[in-house]
Amino acid sequence: QVQLVESGGGSVQAGGSLKLSCAASRRASGCMAWFRQALGREREGVAAISSGDITTYIDSVKGRFTISRDDAENTLYLQMSSLKPEDTAEYYCAVDGVYYWRTWACDLGVGAYESWGQGTQVIVSS
């Protein structure tokens, strides 16, 4: 499996910004994604990006979050702006485990991903 390490979480006031990073141990992903899990809620897909740079977002973050990847550095990013208290959660990165050239949208379902990071916490205060 691919080893993933997230960083960049923290506490911020509503309206602020954070940038999350996820370092992968090797290139192994047609799809890379960010998920989040708030206390007492199920894990949900937030954004995904294919090796062909096709991006997918859930409606609640469109226009506020930007996902990107640097395959030369095996790193995934999530730029989060205009943060809201409802964005408070543990954020996880995930990859599907096999590198291939993908020019169609990636799934945001948990079952589509093989390897997961340990998470980084994001707290947004009002």
C-alpha atoms as a PDB file:
ATOM      1  CA  GLN A   1       0.000   0.000   0.000  1.00  0.00           C
ATOM      2  CA  VAL A   2       0.956   3.613  -0.451  1.00  0.00           C
ATOM      3  CA  GLN A   3       1.901   5.474   2.729  1.00  0.00           C
ATOM      4  CA  LEU A   4       0.223   8.861   3.083  1.00  0.00           C
ATOM      5  CA  VAL A   5       1.013  11.651   5.539  1.00  0.00           C
ATOM      6  CA  GLU A   6      -1.213  14.703   5.854  1.00  0.00           C
ATOM      7  CA  SER A   7      -0.172  18.081   7.225  1.00  0.00           C
ATOM      8  CA  GLY A   8      -1.408  21.652   7.350  1.00  0.00           C
ATOM      9  CA  GLY A   9      -4.420  21.353   9.613  1.00  0.00           C
ATOM     10  CA  GLY A  10      -5.071  23.776  12.431  1.00  0.00           C
ATOM     11  CA  SER A  11      -7.484  26.226  13.979  1.00  0.00           C
ATOM     12  CA  VAL A  12      -8.768  29.216  12.074  1.00  0.00           C
ATOM     13  CA  GLN A  13     -11.586  31.710  12.337  1.00  0.00           C
ATOM     14  CA  ALA A  14     -14.506  31.635   9.941  1.00  0.00           C
ATOM     15  CA  GLY A  15     -13.581  33.247   6.656  1.00  0.00           C
ATOM     16  CA  GLY A  16      -9.967  32.199   6.981  1.00  0.00           C
ATOM     17  CA  SER A  17      -7.851  29.879   4.860  1.00  0.00           C
ATOM     18  CA  LEU A  18      -5.756  26.756   5.276  1.00  0.00           C
ATOM     19  CA  LYS A  19      -3.773  24.625   2.872  1.00  0.00           C
ATOM     20  CA  LEU A  20      -3.559  20.897   3.490  1.00  0.00           C
ATOM     21  CA  SER A  21      -0.805  18.727   2.064  1.00  0.00           C
ATOM     22  CA  CYS A  22      -0.551  14.969   1.670  1.00  0.00           C
ATOM     23  CA  ALA A  23       2.796  13.355   0.934  1.00  0.00           C
ATOM     24  CA  ALA A  24       2.662   9.933  -0.712  1.00  0.00           C
ATOM     25  CA  SER A  25       5.459   7.374  -0.472  1.00  0.00           C
ATOM     26  CA  ARG A  26       5.301   6.747  -4.224  1.00  0.00           C
ATOM     27  CA  ARG A  27       3.303   7.599  -7.291  1.00  0.00           C
ATOM     28  CA  ALA A  28       0.395   5.211  -7.338  1.00  0.00           C
ATOM     29  CA  SER A  29      -2.856   6.865  -8.134  1.00  0.00           C
ATOM     30  CA  GLY A  30      -5.182   7.449 -11.000  1.00  0.00           C
ATOM     31  CA  CYS A  31      -7.272   9.217  -8.382  1.00  0.00           C
ATOM     32  CA  MET A  32      -6.305  11.141  -5.257  1.00  0.00           C
ATOM     33  CA  ALA A  33      -8.898  12.564  -2.931  1.00  0.00           C
ATOM     34  CA  TRP A  34      -9.617  14.417   0.277  1.00  0.00           C
ATOM     35  CA  PHE A  35     -12.233  13.158   2.693  1.00  0.00           C
ATOM     36  CA  ARG A  36     -13.411  14.569   5.991  1.00  0.00           C
ATOM     37  CA  GLN A  37     -15.172  13.235   9.028  1.00  0.00           C
ATOM     38  CA  ALA A  38     -16.858  15.451  11.567  1.00  0.00           C
ATOM     39  CA  LEU A  39     -17.569  14.214  15.074  1.00  0.00           C
ATOM     40  CA  GLY A  40     -20.489  11.808  15.034  1.00  0.00           C
ATOM     41  CA  ARG A  41     -20.834  11.846  11.268  1.00  0.00           C
ATOM     42  CA  GLU A  42     -19.833   9.547   8.436  1.00  0.00           C
ATOM     43  CA  ARG A  43     -16.729  10.143   6.394  1.00  0.00           C
ATOM     44  CA  GLU A  44     -17.523  12.089   3.249  1.00  0.00           C
ATOM     45  CA  GLY A  45     -15.592  12.781   0.081  1.00  0.00           C
ATOM     46  CA  VAL A  46     -14.741  16.449  -0.329  1.00  0.00           C
ATOM     47  CA  ALA A  47     -12.708  16.640  -3.524  1.00  0.00           C
ATOM     48  CA  ALA A  48     -10.883  14.351  -5.908  1.00  0.00           C
ATOM     49  CA  ILE A  49      -8.446  14.768  -8.766  1.00  0.00           C
ATOM     50  CA  SER A  50      -7.426  12.388 -11.509  1.00  0.00           C
ATOM     51  CA  SER A  51      -3.967  11.946 -12.979  1.00  0.00           C
ATOM     52  CA  GLY A  52      -5.297  13.929 -15.939  1.00  0.00           C
ATOM     53  CA  ASP A  53      -6.209  16.794 -13.566  1.00  0.00           C
ATOM     54  CA  ILE A  54      -9.955  16.302 -13.761  1.00  0.00           C
ATOM     55  CA  THR A  55     -11.392  17.612 -10.490  1.00  0.00           C
ATOM     56  CA  THR A  56     -14.554  16.764  -8.593  1.00  0.00           C
ATOM     57  CA  TYR A  57     -16.016  18.592  -5.584  1.00  0.00           C
ATOM     58  CA  ILE A  58     -19.002  18.212  -3.322  1.00  0.00           C
ATOM     59  CA  ASP A  59     -21.432  21.101  -3.665  1.00  0.00           C
ATOM     60  CA  SER A  60     -20.755  22.549  -0.223  1.00  0.00           C
ATOM     61  CA  VAL A  61     -17.106  23.363  -1.037  1.00  0.00           C
ATOM     62  CA  LYS A  62     -17.358  24.405  -4.675  1.00  0.00           C
ATOM     63  CA  GLY A  63     -15.830  27.823  -5.188  1.00  0.00           C
ATOM     64  CA  ARG A  64     -14.087  27.694  -1.802  1.00  0.00           C
ATOM     65  CA  PHE A  65     -11.766  24.674  -1.989  1.00  0.00           C
ATOM     66  CA  THR A  66      -9.229  23.809  -4.670  1.00  0.00           C
ATOM     67  CA  ILE A  67      -7.623  20.395  -5.019  1.00  0.00           C
ATOM     68  CA  SER A  68      -4.333  19.973  -6.843  1.00  0.00           C
ATOM     69  CA  ARG A  69      -1.575  17.411  -7.177  1.00  0.00           C
ATOM     70  CA  ASP A  70       2.129  17.456  -7.937  1.00  0.00           C
ATOM     71  CA  ASP A  71       3.071  14.057  -9.301  1.00  0.00           C
ATOM     72  CA  ALA A  72       6.748  14.964  -9.464  1.00  0.00           C
ATOM     73  CA  GLU A  73       6.642  15.373  -5.679  1.00  0.00           C
ATOM     74  CA  ASN A  74       3.962  12.720  -5.044  1.00  0.00           C
ATOM     75  CA  THR A  75       1.977  15.327  -3.157  1.00  0.00           C
ATOM     76  CA  LEU A  76      -1.692  16.196  -2.977  1.00  0.00           C
ATOM     77  CA  TYR A  77      -2.984  19.584  -1.842  1.00  0.00           C
ATOM     78  CA  LEU A  78      -6.245  21.101  -0.702  1.00  0.00           C
ATOM     79  CA  GLN A  79      -6.444  24.886  -0.601  1.00  0.00           C
ATOM     80  CA  MET A  80      -9.372  25.854   1.603  1.00  0.00           C
ATOM     81  CA  SER A  81     -10.691  29.412   1.642  1.00  0.00           C
ATOM     82  CA  SER A  82     -13.732  31.154   3.115  1.00  0.00           C
ATOM     83  CA  LEU A  83     -13.826  28.464   5.761  1.00  0.00           C
ATOM     84  CA  LYS A  84     -17.018  27.906   7.715  1.00  0.00           C
ATOM     85  CA  PRO A  85     -17.603  26.288  11.110  1.00  0.00           C
ATOM     86  CA  GLU A  86     -19.302  23.398   9.315  1.00  0.00           C
ATOM     87  CA  ASP A  87     -15.961  22.613   7.640  1.00  0.00           C
ATOM     88  CA  THR A  88     -14.629  21.535  11.043  1.00  0.00           C
ATOM     89  CA  ALA A  89     -13.550  17.898  10.757  1.00  0.00           C
ATOM     90  CA  GLU A  90     -10.666  15.484  10.535  1.00  0.00           C
ATOM     91  CA  TYR A  91      -9.396  15.596   6.965  1.00  0.00           C
ATOM     92  CA  TYR A  92      -7.938  12.509   5.294  1.00  0.00           C
ATOM     93  CA  CYS A  93      -6.237  11.996   1.988  1.00  0.00           C
ATOM     94  CA  ALA A  94      -6.714   8.813   0.011  1.00  0.00           C
ATOM     95  CA  VAL A  95      -5.469   7.252  -3.193  1.00  0.00           C
ATOM     96  CA  ASP A  96      -6.745   4.411  -5.321  1.00  0.00           C
ATOM     97  CA  GLY A  97      -3.377   2.708  -5.327  1.00  0.00           C
ATOM     98  CA  VAL A  98      -2.506   2.176  -8.984  1.00  0.00           C
ATOM     99  CA  TYR A  99      -1.103   4.841 -11.273  1.00  0.00           C
ATOM    100  CA  TYR A 100      -2.789   5.125 -14.638  1.00  0.00           C
ATOM    101  CA  TRP A 101      -3.685   7.959 -16.939  1.00  0.00           C
ATOM    102  CA  ARG A 102      -7.213   8.999 -16.154  1.00  0.00           C
ATOM    103  CA  THR A 103      -9.053  11.728 -18.032  1.00  0.00           C
ATOM    104  CA  TRP A 104     -12.471  11.268 -16.455  1.00  0.00           C
ATOM    105  CA  ALA A 105     -13.806  12.295 -13.054  1.00  0.00           C
ATOM    106  CA  CYS A 106     -12.915  10.370  -9.937  1.00  0.00           C
ATOM    107  CA  ASP A 107     -15.402   8.897  -7.491  1.00  0.00           C
ATOM    108  CA  LEU A 108     -15.922  10.499  -4.086  1.00  0.00           C
ATOM    109  CA  GLY A 109     -17.051   7.285  -2.441  1.00  0.00           C
ATOM    110  CA  VAL A 110     -14.982   5.769   0.354  1.00  0.00           C
ATOM    111  CA  GLY A 111     -14.906   2.386  -1.348  1.00  0.00           C
ATOM    112  CA  ALA A 112     -13.058   3.710  -4.392  1.00  0.00           C
ATOM    113  CA  TYR A 113      -9.836   4.275  -2.416  1.00  0.00           C
ATOM    114  CA  GLU A 114      -7.308   1.779  -1.168  1.00  0.00           C
ATOM    115  CA  SER A 115      -4.831   3.733   0.940  1.00  0.00           C
ATOM    116  CA  TRP A 116      -5.543   6.326   3.588  1.00  0.00           C
ATOM    117  CA  GLY A 117      -3.592   8.782   5.677  1.00  0.00           C
ATOM    118  CA  GLN A 118      -3.965   9.232   9.425  1.00  0.00           C
ATOM    119  CA  GLY A 119      -5.747  12.559   9.165  1.00  0.00           C
ATOM    120  CA  THR A 120      -5.191  16.173  10.077  1.00  0.00           C
ATOM    121  CA  GLN A 121      -7.636  18.199  12.127  1.00  0.00           C
ATOM    122  CA  VAL A 122      -9.259  21.384  10.912  1.00  0.00           C
ATOM    123  CA  ILE A 123     -11.187  23.531  13.390  1.00  0.00           C
ATOM    124  CA  VAL A 124     -13.082  26.586  12.208  1.00  0.00           C
ATOM    125  CA  SER A 125     -14.457  28.880  14.882  1.00  0.00           C
ATOM    126  CA  SER A 126     -17.231  31.399  14.398  1.00  0.00           C
END
